[in-house]
C-alpha atoms as a PDB file:
ATOM      1  CA  MET A   1     114.653 150.902 154.352  1.00  0.00           C
ATOM      2  CA  ILE A   2     116.071 147.368 154.388  1.00  0.00           C
ATOM      3  CA  ARG A   3     113.326 145.077 154.071  1.00  0.00           C
ATOM      4  CA  HIS A   4     113.511 141.207 155.036  1.00  0.00           C
ATOM      5  CA  ILE A   5     111.321 138.213 154.558  1.00  0.00           C
ATOM      6  CA  VAL A   6     112.846 135.394 156.558  1.00  0.00           C
ATOM      7  CA  PHE A   7     111.095 131.649 156.432  1.00  0.00           C
ATOM      8  CA  PHE A   8     111.163 129.696 159.318  1.00  0.00           C
ATOM      9  CA  SER A   9     110.689 125.969 159.817  1.00  0.00           C
ATOM     10  CA  ALA A  10     110.074 124.150 163.025  1.00  0.00           C
ATOM     11  CA  ARG A  11     111.724 120.857 163.554  1.00  0.00           C
ATOM     12  CA  ARG A  12     108.757 118.994 165.050  1.00  0.00           C
ATOM     13  CA  LYS A  13     105.163 119.833 164.012  1.00  0.00           C
ATOM     14  CA  GLU A  14     104.200 120.140 167.364  1.00  0.00           C
ATOM     15  CA  ASP A  15     106.825 123.375 168.059  1.00  0.00           C
ATOM     16  CA  VAL A  16     105.379 125.569 165.022  1.00  0.00           C
ATOM     17  CA  GLU A  17     103.051 127.702 167.724  1.00  0.00           C
ATOM     18  CA  ALA A  18     106.134 128.338 169.930  1.00  0.00           C
ATOM     19  CA  VAL A  19     108.224 129.647 167.016  1.00  0.00           C
ATOM     20  CA  ARG A  20     105.918 131.701 165.783  1.00  0.00           C
ATOM     21  CA  SER A  21     105.144 133.198 169.486  1.00  0.00           C
ATOM     22  CA  GLY A  22     108.365 133.528 169.876  1.00  0.00           C
ATOM     23  CA  LEU A  23     109.251 135.395 166.677  1.00  0.00           C
ATOM     24  CA  GLN A  24     105.947 137.502 167.444  1.00  0.00           C
ATOM     25  CA  GLU A  25     108.045 138.985 170.419  1.00  0.00           C
ATOM     26  CA  LEU A  26     110.705 140.662 168.399  1.00  0.00           C
ATOM     27  CA  GLY A  27     108.063 143.259 167.384  1.00  0.00           C
ATOM     28  CA  LYS A  28     108.317 144.700 170.849  1.00  0.00           C
ATOM     29  CA  ILE A  29     111.911 145.977 169.568  1.00  0.00           C
ATOM     30  CA  PRO A  30     111.654 149.932 169.822  1.00  0.00           C
ATOM     31  CA  HIS A  31     111.207 151.821 166.510  1.00  0.00           C
ATOM     32  CA  SER A  32     109.938 148.594 164.446  1.00  0.00           C
ATOM     33  CA  LYS A  33     107.602 150.133 162.420  1.00  0.00           C
ATOM     34  CA  LEU A  34     106.587 147.367 160.413  1.00  0.00           C
ATOM     35  CA  PHE A  35     106.546 143.717 161.782  1.00  0.00           C
ATOM     36  CA  GLU A  36     104.307 140.520 160.793  1.00  0.00           C
ATOM     37  CA  VAL A  37     104.870 137.304 161.931  1.00  0.00           C
ATOM     38  CA  THR A  38     102.215 134.897 160.056  1.00  0.00           C
ATOM     39  CA  LEU A  39     101.963 131.039 159.594  1.00  0.00           C
ATOM     40  CA  ASN A  40     102.839 129.492 155.809  1.00  0.00           C
ATOM     41  CA  THR A  41      99.468 128.665 154.067  1.00  0.00           C
ATOM     42  CA  LYS A  42     101.443 125.584 152.581  1.00  0.00           C
ATOM     43  CA  VAL A  43      99.743 126.234 149.410  1.00  0.00           C
ATOM     44  CA  ASP A  44     103.092 126.485 147.655  1.00  0.00           C
ATOM     45  CA  GLN A  45     103.136 124.473 144.517  1.00  0.00           C
ATOM     46  CA  PHE A  46     106.887 123.456 144.795  1.00  0.00           C
ATOM     47  CA  SER A  47     107.655 122.925 149.037  1.00  0.00           C
ATOM     48  CA  ASN A  48     105.621 123.547 151.934  1.00  0.00           C
ATOM     49  CA  ALA A  49     108.481 123.036 154.001  1.00  0.00           C
ATOM     50  CA  ILE A  50     108.270 126.409 155.521  1.00  0.00           C
ATOM     51  CA  ASP A  51     106.254 127.120 158.554  1.00  0.00           C
ATOM     52  CA  VAL A  52     106.617 130.522 159.825  1.00  0.00           C
ATOM     53  CA  VAL A  53     107.057 133.741 157.526  1.00  0.00           C
ATOM     54  CA  VAL A  54     108.654 137.025 159.238  1.00  0.00           C
ATOM     55  CA  TYR A  55     108.312 140.141 157.428  1.00  0.00           C
END
């Protein structure tokens, strides 16, 4: 099994929710056993540039 974690940054702050909801649609792909889309909690001590995380 191949696992990927992908990070996304929205160009504009007001687009973050649209990015999240659009990526959530990928969870409808047949045979997807584990798919999670979440907003970044912005607690990284080095960078908070990431808005959405897909696992």
